[in-house]
Amino acid sequence: KLKSDMHWSEDPSIGFNGIGYIVPEVREALTSAARIAIERTEALKIPAHVRKYADFVVMLLRQVVERMQHLPVVAGVAIAVAAHVQRLTLELAGLRTYMEVVVPRLESSKDFSHDVLPIVGAFVREGSDAANTTRVGLPTWFLRPHTSGIVVWQIVSVSEYAYNISHRVSHPRIYHQSQSLVGVTN
Protein backbone atom coordinates (compact mmCIF):
# COMPACT_ATOMS: atom_id res chain seq x y z
CA LYS A 1 0.00 0.00 0.00
CA LEU A 2 1.39 3.35 -1.02
CA LYS A 3 1.70 6.05 1.64
CA SER A 4 2.59 9.67 1.07
CA ASP A 5 5.01 9.82 4.01
CA MET A 6 7.00 6.84 2.66
CA HIS A 7 6.50 6.76 -1.11
CA TRP A 8 6.37 10.43 -2.13
CA SER A 9 8.96 13.16 -1.85
CA GLU A 10 8.82 16.87 -2.43
CA ASP A 11 10.99 18.21 -5.24
CA PRO A 12 12.53 21.54 -4.18
CA SER A 13 13.74 22.26 -7.73
CA ILE A 14 10.14 22.85 -8.86
CA GLY A 15 9.84 26.17 -7.04
CA PHE A 16 6.57 25.43 -5.25
CA ASN A 17 6.21 23.91 -1.81
CA GLY A 18 4.34 20.62 -1.48
CA ILE A 19 4.88 19.46 -5.06
CA GLY A 20 6.85 16.37 -5.98
CA TYR A 21 6.93 12.80 -7.22
CA ILE A 22 6.58 9.21 -6.12
CA VAL A 23 10.04 8.17 -4.89
CA PRO A 24 12.29 6.93 -7.73
CA GLU A 25 12.54 3.28 -6.66
CA VAL A 26 8.74 2.91 -6.50
CA ARG A 27 8.32 4.82 -9.77
CA GLU A 28 10.86 2.56 -11.46
CA ALA A 29 9.23 -0.61 -10.09
CA LEU A 30 5.75 0.48 -11.22
CA THR A 31 7.06 1.57 -14.63
CA SER A 32 8.86 -1.74 -15.10
CA ALA A 33 5.78 -3.77 -14.09
CA ALA A 34 3.62 -1.69 -16.45
CA ARG A 35 6.08 -2.17 -19.34
CA ILE A 36 6.13 -5.96 -18.81
CA ALA A 37 2.32 -6.11 -18.62
CA ILE A 38 2.02 -4.06 -21.82
CA GLU A 39 4.53 -6.22 -23.69
CA ARG A 40 2.80 -9.43 -22.60
CA THR A 41 -0.61 -8.05 -23.51
CA GLU A 42 0.54 -6.93 -26.95
CA ALA A 43 1.97 -10.42 -27.58
CA LEU A 44 -1.35 -12.14 -26.75
CA LYS A 45 -3.29 -13.73 -29.57
CA ILE A 46 -6.82 -12.68 -28.65
CA PRO A 47 -10.15 -12.04 -30.43
CA ALA A 48 -10.72 -8.58 -31.90
CA HIS A 49 -13.28 -7.50 -29.30
CA VAL A 50 -10.89 -8.43 -26.47
CA ARG A 51 -7.98 -6.76 -28.31
CA LYS A 52 -10.00 -3.54 -28.47
CA TYR A 53 -10.50 -3.63 -24.70
CA ALA A 54 -6.84 -4.57 -24.06
CA ASP A 55 -5.62 -1.74 -26.30
CA PHE A 56 -7.80 0.72 -24.37
CA VAL A 57 -6.37 -0.42 -21.02
CA VAL A 58 -2.82 -0.26 -22.45
CA MET A 59 -3.46 3.31 -23.64
CA LEU A 60 -4.73 4.30 -20.19
CA LEU A 61 -1.76 2.63 -18.51
CA ARG A 62 0.73 4.43 -20.75
CA GLN A 63 -0.94 7.75 -19.95
CA VAL A 64 -0.86 7.29 -16.17
CA VAL A 65 2.74 6.05 -16.25
CA GLU A 66 3.70 9.20 -18.19
CA ARG A 67 1.82 11.33 -15.71
CA MET A 68 3.47 9.59 -12.75
CA GLN A 69 6.94 10.06 -14.27
CA HIS A 70 6.72 13.63 -15.55
CA LEU A 71 4.07 15.68 -13.74
CA PRO A 72 4.94 16.83 -10.23
CA VAL A 73 1.90 16.96 -7.94
CA VAL A 74 0.85 17.03 -4.31
CA ALA A 75 1.30 13.80 -2.36
CA GLY A 76 -2.34 12.65 -2.47
CA VAL A 77 -2.60 13.00 -6.24
CA ALA A 78 0.75 11.25 -6.76
CA ILE A 79 -0.40 8.32 -4.62
CA ALA A 80 -3.71 8.12 -6.51
CA VAL A 81 -1.91 8.11 -9.88
CA ALA A 82 0.59 5.46 -8.73
CA ALA A 83 -2.28 3.34 -7.42
CA HIS A 84 -3.96 3.70 -10.81
CA VAL A 85 -0.76 2.49 -12.52
CA GLN A 86 -0.78 -0.50 -10.19
CA ARG A 87 -4.48 -1.28 -10.77
CA LEU A 88 -4.24 -1.07 -14.56
CA THR A 89 -1.12 -3.25 -14.54
CA LEU A 90 -2.97 -5.85 -12.49
CA GLU A 91 -5.96 -5.60 -14.83
CA LEU A 92 -3.73 -6.45 -17.80
CA ALA A 93 -2.19 -9.34 -15.86
CA GLY A 94 -5.70 -10.58 -15.08
CA LEU A 95 -6.72 -10.31 -18.72
CA ARG A 96 -3.69 -12.38 -19.68
CA THR A 97 -4.55 -15.05 -17.09
CA TYR A 98 -8.14 -15.07 -18.31
CA MET A 99 -7.16 -15.49 -21.98
CA GLU A 100 -4.32 -17.98 -21.45
CA VAL A 101 -5.73 -20.08 -18.61
CA VAL A 102 -9.43 -19.54 -17.98
CA VAL A 103 -10.71 -19.45 -21.57
CA PRO A 104 -8.99 -22.74 -22.54
CA ARG A 105 -10.40 -24.32 -19.38
CA LEU A 106 -13.88 -23.03 -20.22
CA GLU A 107 -13.59 -24.51 -23.70
CA SER A 108 -12.40 -27.87 -22.33
CA SER A 109 -14.63 -30.51 -20.79
CA LYS A 110 -11.97 -31.44 -18.20
CA ASP A 111 -12.43 -30.89 -14.48
CA PHE A 112 -9.89 -28.36 -13.14
CA SER A 113 -11.55 -28.00 -9.73
CA HIS A 114 -8.47 -29.33 -7.92
CA ASP A 115 -6.17 -26.89 -9.75
CA VAL A 116 -7.58 -23.70 -8.25
CA LEU A 117 -6.09 -20.44 -9.50
CA PRO A 118 -4.55 -18.11 -6.89
CA ILE A 119 -6.98 -15.26 -7.54
CA VAL A 120 -9.90 -13.63 -5.71
CA GLY A 121 -12.33 -15.58 -7.87
CA ALA A 122 -15.87 -15.27 -9.09
CA PHE A 123 -18.97 -14.17 -7.21
CA VAL A 124 -22.02 -16.04 -8.52
CA ARG A 125 -25.69 -16.43 -7.58
CA GLU A 126 -26.74 -19.22 -9.95
CA GLY A 127 -25.98 -22.88 -9.33
CA SER A 128 -24.93 -23.55 -12.93
CA ASP A 129 -22.51 -20.62 -12.79
CA ALA A 130 -21.09 -21.92 -9.50
CA ALA A 131 -20.62 -25.38 -11.00
CA ASN A 132 -18.88 -24.02 -14.09
CA THR A 133 -16.55 -21.61 -12.27
CA THR A 134 -15.63 -24.35 -9.80
CA ARG A 135 -15.00 -26.80 -12.67
CA VAL A 136 -12.53 -24.44 -14.35
CA GLY A 137 -10.63 -23.88 -11.10
CA LEU A 138 -11.81 -20.41 -10.14
CA PRO A 139 -12.30 -19.77 -6.44
CA THR A 140 -16.07 -19.44 -6.33
CA TRP A 141 -18.11 -17.35 -3.95
CA PHE A 142 -21.62 -18.79 -4.22
CA LEU A 143 -23.94 -16.12 -2.86
CA ARG A 144 -27.09 -17.79 -1.60
CA PRO A 145 -28.81 -18.81 1.60
CA HIS A 146 -27.18 -21.77 3.37
CA THR A 147 -28.60 -25.16 2.36
CA SER A 148 -27.72 -28.77 3.06
CA GLY A 149 -28.07 -29.70 -0.62
CA ILE A 150 -24.66 -28.45 -1.72
CA VAL A 151 -21.12 -29.37 -0.69
CA VAL A 152 -19.64 -26.42 1.17
CA TRP A 153 -15.87 -26.19 1.55
CA GLN A 154 -15.96 -23.14 3.78
CA ILE A 155 -18.55 -20.68 5.00
CA VAL A 156 -17.41 -17.13 5.54
CA SER A 157 -19.33 -14.54 7.49
CA VAL A 158 -20.14 -11.17 6.06
CA SER A 159 -17.84 -8.56 7.52
CA GLU A 160 -18.48 -4.88 7.72
CA TYR A 161 -16.82 -2.61 5.20
CA ALA A 162 -14.21 -0.27 6.65
CA TYR A 163 -16.29 2.89 6.58
CA ASN A 164 -13.46 5.01 7.97
CA ILE A 165 -11.84 4.65 4.55
CA SER A 166 -14.96 5.39 2.50
CA HIS A 167 -15.69 8.72 4.21
CA ARG A 168 -12.38 10.27 3.17
CA VAL A 169 -12.73 12.13 -0.10
CA SER A 170 -9.94 11.26 -2.52
CA HIS A 171 -8.18 13.91 -4.55
CA PRO A 172 -8.61 13.62 -7.45
CA ARG A 173 -12.10 12.22 -7.03
CA ILE A 174 -12.62 8.63 -8.14
CA TYR A 175 -16.05 8.43 -9.72
CA HIS A 176 -17.84 5.11 -9.68
CA GLN A 177 -20.88 3.94 -11.58
CA SER A 178 -23.11 1.71 -9.49
CA GLN A 179 -23.51 -0.83 -12.34
CA SER A 180 -19.75 -1.33 -12.66
CA LEU A 181 -17.49 -3.42 -10.44
CA VAL A 182 -14.34 -1.92 -11.94
CA GLY A 183 -12.47 -0.02 -9.25
CA VAL A 184 -14.93 -1.03 -6.54
CA THR A 185 -11.99 -1.74 -4.21
CA ASN A 186 -10.93 1.90 -4.46
C-alpha atoms as a PDB file:
ATOM      1  CA  LYS A   1       0.000   0.000   0.000  1.00  0.00           C
ATOM      2  CA  LEU A   2       1.393   3.346  -1.019  1.00  0.00           C
ATOM      3  CA  LYS A   3       1.697   6.045   1.638  1.00  0.00           C
ATOM      4  CA  SER A   4       2.592   9.665   1.067  1.00  0.00           C
ATOM      5  CA  ASP A   5       5.010   9.822   4.006  1.00  0.00           C
ATOM      6  CA  MET A   6       7.000   6.842   2.665  1.00  0.00           C
ATOM      7  CA  HIS A   7       6.504   6.761  -1.114  1.00  0.00           C
ATOM      8  CA  TRP A   8       6.372  10.426  -2.127  1.00  0.00           C
ATOM      9  CA  SER A   9       8.958  13.158  -1.851  1.00  0.00           C
ATOM     10  CA  GLU A  10       8.820  16.874  -2.426  1.00  0.00           C
ATOM     11  CA  ASP A  11      10.992  18.210  -5.241  1.00  0.00           C
ATOM     12  CA  PRO A  12      12.534  21.542  -4.176  1.00  0.00           C
ATOM     13  CA  SER A  13      13.740  22.263  -7.729  1.00  0.00           C
ATOM     14  CA  ILE A  14      10.143  22.846  -8.858  1.00  0.00           C
ATOM     15  CA  GLY A  15       9.838  26.167  -7.038  1.00  0.00           C
ATOM     16  CA  PHE A  16       6.567  25.435  -5.252  1.00  0.00           C
ATOM     17  CA  ASN A  17       6.213  23.906  -1.806  1.00  0.00           C
ATOM     18  CA  GLY A  18       4.340  20.624  -1.477  1.00  0.00           C
ATOM     19  CA  ILE A  19       4.884  19.465  -5.063  1.00  0.00           C
ATOM     20  CA  GLY A  20       6.854  16.366  -5.984  1.00  0.00           C
ATOM     21  CA  TYR A  21       6.925  12.795  -7.225  1.00  0.00           C
ATOM     22  CA  ILE A  22       6.579   9.209  -6.123  1.00  0.00           C
ATOM     23  CA  VAL A  23      10.042   8.171  -4.895  1.00  0.00           C
ATOM     24  CA  PRO A  24      12.295   6.933  -7.727  1.00  0.00           C
ATOM     25  CA  GLU A  25      12.544   3.284  -6.657  1.00  0.00           C
ATOM     26  CA  VAL A  26       8.742   2.910  -6.500  1.00  0.00           C
ATOM     27  CA  ARG A  27       8.316   4.824  -9.769  1.00  0.00           C
ATOM     28  CA  GLU A  28      10.857   2.555 -11.463  1.00  0.00           C
ATOM     29  CA  ALA A  29       9.227  -0.612 -10.089  1.00  0.00           C
ATOM     30  CA  LEU A  30       5.755   0.478 -11.219  1.00  0.00           C
ATOM     31  CA  THR A  31       7.056   1.570 -14.626  1.00  0.00           C
ATOM     32  CA  SER A  32       8.860  -1.743 -15.102  1.00  0.00           C
ATOM     33  CA  ALA A  33       5.784  -3.766 -14.089  1.00  0.00           C
ATOM     34  CA  ALA A  34       3.619  -1.693 -16.453  1.00  0.00           C
ATOM     35  CA  ARG A  35       6.083  -2.174 -19.336  1.00  0.00           C
ATOM     36  CA  ILE A  36       6.127  -5.959 -18.813  1.00  0.00           C
ATOM     37  CA  ALA A  37       2.318  -6.107 -18.618  1.00  0.00           C
ATOM     38  CA  ILE A  38       2.015  -4.058 -21.818  1.00  0.00           C
ATOM     39  CA  GLU A  39       4.528  -6.223 -23.693  1.00  0.00           C
ATOM     40  CA  ARG A  40       2.803  -9.427 -22.602  1.00  0.00           C
ATOM     41  CA  THR A  41      -0.615  -8.050 -23.508  1.00  0.00           C
ATOM     42  CA  GLU A  42       0.535  -6.925 -26.946  1.00  0.00           C
ATOM     43  CA  ALA A  43       1.968 -10.417 -27.582  1.00  0.00           C
ATOM     44  CA  LEU A  44      -1.346 -12.139 -26.755  1.00  0.00           C
ATOM     45  CA  LYS A  45      -3.293 -13.734 -29.568  1.00  0.00           C
ATOM     46  CA  ILE A  46      -6.823 -12.681 -28.646  1.00  0.00           C
ATOM     47  CA  PRO A  47     -10.150 -12.044 -30.427  1.00  0.00           C
ATOM     48  CA  ALA A  48     -10.718  -8.577 -31.905  1.00  0.00           C
ATOM     49  CA  HIS A  49     -13.281  -7.503 -29.297  1.00  0.00           C
ATOM     50  CA  VAL A  50     -10.887  -8.428 -26.471  1.00  0.00           C
ATOM     51  CA  ARG A  51      -7.985  -6.759 -28.312  1.00  0.00           C
ATOM     52  CA  LYS A  52     -10.000  -3.541 -28.474  1.00  0.00           C
ATOM     53  CA  TYR A  53     -10.502  -3.625 -24.696  1.00  0.00           C
ATOM     54  CA  ALA A  54      -6.845  -4.570 -24.061  1.00  0.00           C
ATOM     55  CA  ASP A  55      -5.623  -1.738 -26.296  1.00  0.00           C
ATOM     56  CA  PHE A  56      -7.802   0.715 -24.372  1.00  0.00           C
ATOM     57  CA  VAL A  57      -6.368  -0.420 -21.019  1.00  0.00           C
ATOM     58  CA  VAL A  58      -2.824  -0.262 -22.453  1.00  0.00           C
ATOM     59  CA  MET A  59      -3.465   3.308 -23.636  1.00  0.00           C
ATOM     60  CA  LEU A  60      -4.727   4.300 -20.187  1.00  0.00           C
ATOM     61  CA  LEU A  61      -1.760   2.633 -18.515  1.00  0.00           C
ATOM     62  CA  ARG A  62       0.732   4.435 -20.747  1.00  0.00           C
ATOM     63  CA  GLN A  63      -0.935   7.749 -19.947  1.00  0.00           C
ATOM     64  CA  VAL A  64      -0.862   7.288 -16.174  1.00  0.00           C
ATOM     65  CA  VAL A  65       2.743   6.047 -16.252  1.00  0.00           C
ATOM     66  CA  GLU A  66       3.704   9.195 -18.188  1.00  0.00           C
ATOM     67  CA  ARG A  67       1.817  11.334 -15.705  1.00  0.00           C
ATOM     68  CA  MET A  68       3.474   9.588 -12.746  1.00  0.00           C
ATOM     69  CA  GLN A  69       6.939  10.061 -14.270  1.00  0.00           C
ATOM     70  CA  HIS A  70       6.718  13.626 -15.545  1.00  0.00           C
ATOM     71  CA  LEU A  71       4.067  15.677 -13.742  1.00  0.00           C
ATOM     72  CA  PRO A  72       4.941  16.828 -10.231  1.00  0.00           C
ATOM     73  CA  VAL A  73       1.895  16.958  -7.943  1.00  0.00           C
ATOM     74  CA  VAL A  74       0.849  17.028  -4.311  1.00  0.00           C
ATOM     75  CA  ALA A  75       1.296  13.797  -2.363  1.00  0.00           C
ATOM     76  CA  GLY A  76      -2.343  12.651  -2.473  1.00  0.00           C
ATOM     77  CA  VAL A  77      -2.600  12.999  -6.242  1.00  0.00           C
ATOM     78  CA  ALA A  78       0.750  11.254  -6.763  1.00  0.00           C
ATOM     79  CA  ILE A  79      -0.396   8.321  -4.617  1.00  0.00           C
ATOM     80  CA  ALA A  80      -3.713   8.117  -6.513  1.00  0.00           C
ATOM     81  CA  VAL A  81      -1.914   8.112  -9.878  1.00  0.00           C
ATOM     82  CA  ALA A  82       0.593   5.458  -8.729  1.00  0.00           C
ATOM     83  CA  ALA A  83      -2.280   3.339  -7.417  1.00  0.00           C
ATOM     84  CA  HIS A  84      -3.956   3.698 -10.809  1.00  0.00           C
ATOM     85  CA  VAL A  85      -0.761   2.485 -12.518  1.00  0.00           C
ATOM     86  CA  GLN A  86      -0.780  -0.505 -10.191  1.00  0.00           C
ATOM     87  CA  ARG A  87      -4.481  -1.280 -10.766  1.00  0.00           C
ATOM     88  CA  LEU A  88      -4.245  -1.073 -14.558  1.00  0.00           C
ATOM     89  CA  THR A  89      -1.118  -3.252 -14.545  1.00  0.00           C
ATOM     90  CA  LEU A  90      -2.974  -5.845 -12.489  1.00  0.00           C
ATOM     91  CA  GLU A  91      -5.958  -5.601 -14.830  1.00  0.00           C
ATOM     92  CA  LEU A  92      -3.732  -6.453 -17.797  1.00  0.00           C
ATOM     93  CA  ALA A  93      -2.190  -9.344 -15.863  1.00  0.00           C
ATOM     94  CA  GLY A  94      -5.700 -10.576 -15.075  1.00  0.00           C
ATOM     95  CA  LEU A  95      -6.716 -10.308 -18.721  1.00  0.00           C
ATOM     96  CA  ARG A  96      -3.690 -12.383 -19.681  1.00  0.00           C
ATOM     97  CA  THR A  97      -4.553 -15.046 -17.092  1.00  0.00           C
ATOM     98  CA  TYR A  98      -8.139 -15.070 -18.309  1.00  0.00           C
ATOM     99  CA  MET A  99      -7.163 -15.489 -21.975  1.00  0.00           C
ATOM    100  CA  GLU A 100      -4.318 -17.975 -21.451  1.00  0.00           C
ATOM    101  CA  VAL A 101      -5.726 -20.081 -18.605  1.00  0.00           C
ATOM    102  CA  VAL A 102      -9.425 -19.544 -17.975  1.00  0.00           C
ATOM    103  CA  VAL A 103     -10.711 -19.452 -21.575  1.00  0.00           C
ATOM    104  CA  PRO A 104      -8.991 -22.740 -22.543  1.00  0.00           C
ATOM    105  CA  ARG A 105     -10.402 -24.315 -19.379  1.00  0.00           C
ATOM    106  CA  LEU A 106     -13.881 -23.027 -20.221  1.00  0.00           C
ATOM    107  CA  GLU A 107     -13.593 -24.510 -23.704  1.00  0.00           C
ATOM    108  CA  SER A 108     -12.398 -27.872 -22.328  1.00  0.00           C
ATOM    109  CA  SER A 109     -14.634 -30.514 -20.789  1.00  0.00           C
ATOM    110  CA  LYS A 110     -11.972 -31.437 -18.202  1.00  0.00           C
ATOM    111  CA  ASP A 111     -12.433 -30.886 -14.475  1.00  0.00           C
ATOM    112  CA  PHE A 112      -9.891 -28.364 -13.136  1.00  0.00           C
ATOM    113  CA  SER A 113     -11.552 -27.999  -9.729  1.00  0.00           C
ATOM    114  CA  HIS A 114      -8.474 -29.325  -7.922  1.00  0.00           C
ATOM    115  CA  ASP A 115      -6.168 -26.890  -9.746  1.00  0.00           C
ATOM    116  CA  VAL A 116      -7.576 -23.696  -8.247  1.00  0.00           C
ATOM    117  CA  LEU A 117      -6.088 -20.437  -9.505  1.00  0.00           C
ATOM    118  CA  PRO A 118      -4.547 -18.107  -6.893  1.00  0.00           C
ATOM    119  CA  ILE A 119      -6.979 -15.259  -7.536  1.00  0.00           C
ATOM    120  CA  VAL A 120      -9.904 -13.632  -5.711  1.00  0.00           C
ATOM    121  CA  GLY A 121     -12.329 -15.581  -7.869  1.00  0.00           C
ATOM    122  CA  ALA A 122     -15.869 -15.267  -9.087  1.00  0.00           C
ATOM    123  CA  PHE A 123     -18.968 -14.172  -7.210  1.00  0.00           C
ATOM    124  CA  VAL A 124     -22.018 -16.041  -8.517  1.00  0.00           C
ATOM    125  CA  ARG A 125     -25.687 -16.425  -7.584  1.00  0.00           C
ATOM    126  CA  GLU A 126     -26.736 -19.217  -9.952  1.00  0.00           C
ATOM    127  CA  GLY A 127     -25.983 -22.882  -9.328  1.00  0.00           C
ATOM    128  CA  SER A 128     -24.930 -23.551 -12.925  1.00  0.00           C
ATOM    129  CA  ASP A 129     -22.506 -20.618 -12.792  1.00  0.00           C
ATOM    130  CA  ALA A 130     -21.089 -21.921  -9.501  1.00  0.00           C
ATOM    131  CA  ALA A 131     -20.620 -25.383 -11.002  1.00  0.00           C
ATOM    132  CA  ASN A 132     -18.877 -24.017 -14.088  1.00  0.00           C
ATOM    133  CA  THR A 133     -16.555 -21.613 -12.270  1.00  0.00           C
ATOM    134  CA  THR A 134     -15.628 -24.354  -9.802  1.00  0.00           C
ATOM    135  CA  ARG A 135     -14.995 -26.801 -12.669  1.00  0.00           C
ATOM    136  CA  VAL A 136     -12.528 -24.438 -14.346  1.00  0.00           C
ATOM    137  CA  GLY A 137     -10.626 -23.876 -11.099  1.00  0.00           C
ATOM    138  CA  LEU A 138     -11.809 -20.412 -10.141  1.00  0.00           C
ATOM    139  CA  PRO A 139     -12.303 -19.775  -6.445  1.00  0.00           C
ATOM    140  CA  THR A 140     -16.073 -19.438  -6.333  1.00  0.00           C
ATOM    141  CA  TRP A 141     -18.113 -17.350  -3.952  1.00  0.00           C
ATOM    142  CA  PHE A 142     -21.620 -18.793  -4.224  1.00  0.00           C
ATOM    143  CA  LEU A 143     -23.944 -16.123  -2.865  1.00  0.00           C
ATOM    144  CA  ARG A 144     -27.092 -17.791  -1.602  1.00  0.00           C
ATOM    145  CA  PRO A 145     -28.810 -18.809   1.605  1.00  0.00           C
ATOM    146  CA  HIS A 146     -27.185 -21.769   3.372  1.00  0.00           C
ATOM    147  CA  THR A 147     -28.603 -25.156   2.363  1.00  0.00           C
ATOM    148  CA  SER A 148     -27.717 -28.772   3.062  1.00  0.00           C
ATOM    149  CA  GLY A 149     -28.075 -29.697  -0.619  1.00  0.00           C
ATOM    150  CA  ILE A 150     -24.661 -28.454  -1.722  1.00  0.00           C
ATOM    151  CA  VAL A 151     -21.122 -29.371  -0.689  1.00  0.00           C
ATOM    152  CA  VAL A 152     -19.641 -26.420   1.167  1.00  0.00           C
ATOM    153  CA  TRP A 153     -15.870 -26.194   1.554  1.00  0.00           C
ATOM    154  CA  GLN A 154     -15.959 -23.138   3.784  1.00  0.00           C
ATOM    155  CA  ILE A 155     -18.555 -20.682   5.004  1.00  0.00           C
ATOM    156  CA  VAL A 156     -17.411 -17.126   5.537  1.00  0.00           C
ATOM    157  CA  SER A 157     -19.328 -14.539   7.489  1.00  0.00           C
ATOM    158  CA  VAL A 158     -20.136 -11.172   6.063  1.00  0.00           C
ATOM    159  CA  SER A 159     -17.840  -8.565   7.521  1.00  0.00           C
ATOM    160  CA  GLU A 160     -18.476  -4.875   7.722  1.00  0.00           C
ATOM    161  CA  TYR A 161     -16.818  -2.607   5.201  1.00  0.00           C
ATOM    162  CA  ALA A 162     -14.214  -0.273   6.649  1.00  0.00           C
ATOM    163  CA  TYR A 163     -16.289   2.893   6.583  1.00  0.00           C
ATOM    164  CA  ASN A 164     -13.457   5.008   7.970  1.00  0.00           C
ATOM    165  CA  ILE A 165     -11.845   4.654   4.548  1.00  0.00           C
ATOM    166  CA  SER A 166     -14.956   5.390   2.502  1.00  0.00           C
ATOM    167  CA  HIS A 167     -15.691   8.722   4.214  1.00  0.00           C
ATOM    168  CA  ARG A 168     -12.384  10.274   3.169  1.00  0.00           C
ATOM    169  CA  VAL A 169     -12.735  12.129  -0.097  1.00  0.00           C
ATOM    170  CA  SER A 170      -9.941  11.258  -2.515  1.00  0.00           C
ATOM    171  CA  HIS A 171      -8.177  13.907  -4.549  1.00  0.00           C
ATOM    172  CA  PRO A 172      -8.605  13.617  -7.455  1.00  0.00           C
ATOM    173  CA  ARG A 173     -12.099  12.222  -7.030  1.00  0.00           C
ATOM    174  CA  ILE A 174     -12.621   8.627  -8.136  1.00  0.00           C
ATOM    175  CA  TYR A 175     -16.049   8.432  -9.721  1.00  0.00           C
ATOM    176  CA  HIS A 176     -17.842   5.114  -9.681  1.00  0.00           C
ATOM    177  CA  GLN A 177     -20.881   3.937 -11.578  1.00  0.00           C
ATOM    178  CA  SER A 178     -23.113   1.705  -9.491  1.00  0.00           C
ATOM    179  CA  GLN A 179     -23.508  -0.828 -12.337  1.00  0.00           C
ATOM    180  CA  SER A 180     -19.750  -1.334 -12.661  1.00  0.00           C
ATOM    181  CA  LEU A 181     -17.487  -3.417 -10.438  1.00  0.00           C
ATOM    182  CA  VAL A 182     -14.343  -1.915 -11.942  1.00  0.00           C
ATOM    183  CA  GLY A 183     -12.469  -0.017  -9.254  1.00  0.00           C
ATOM    184  CA  VAL A 184     -14.928  -1.029  -6.542  1.00  0.00           C
ATOM    185  CA  THR A 185     -11.991  -1.740  -4.209  1.00  0.00           C
ATOM    186  CA  ASN A 186     -10.925   1.896  -4.458  1.00  0.00           C
END
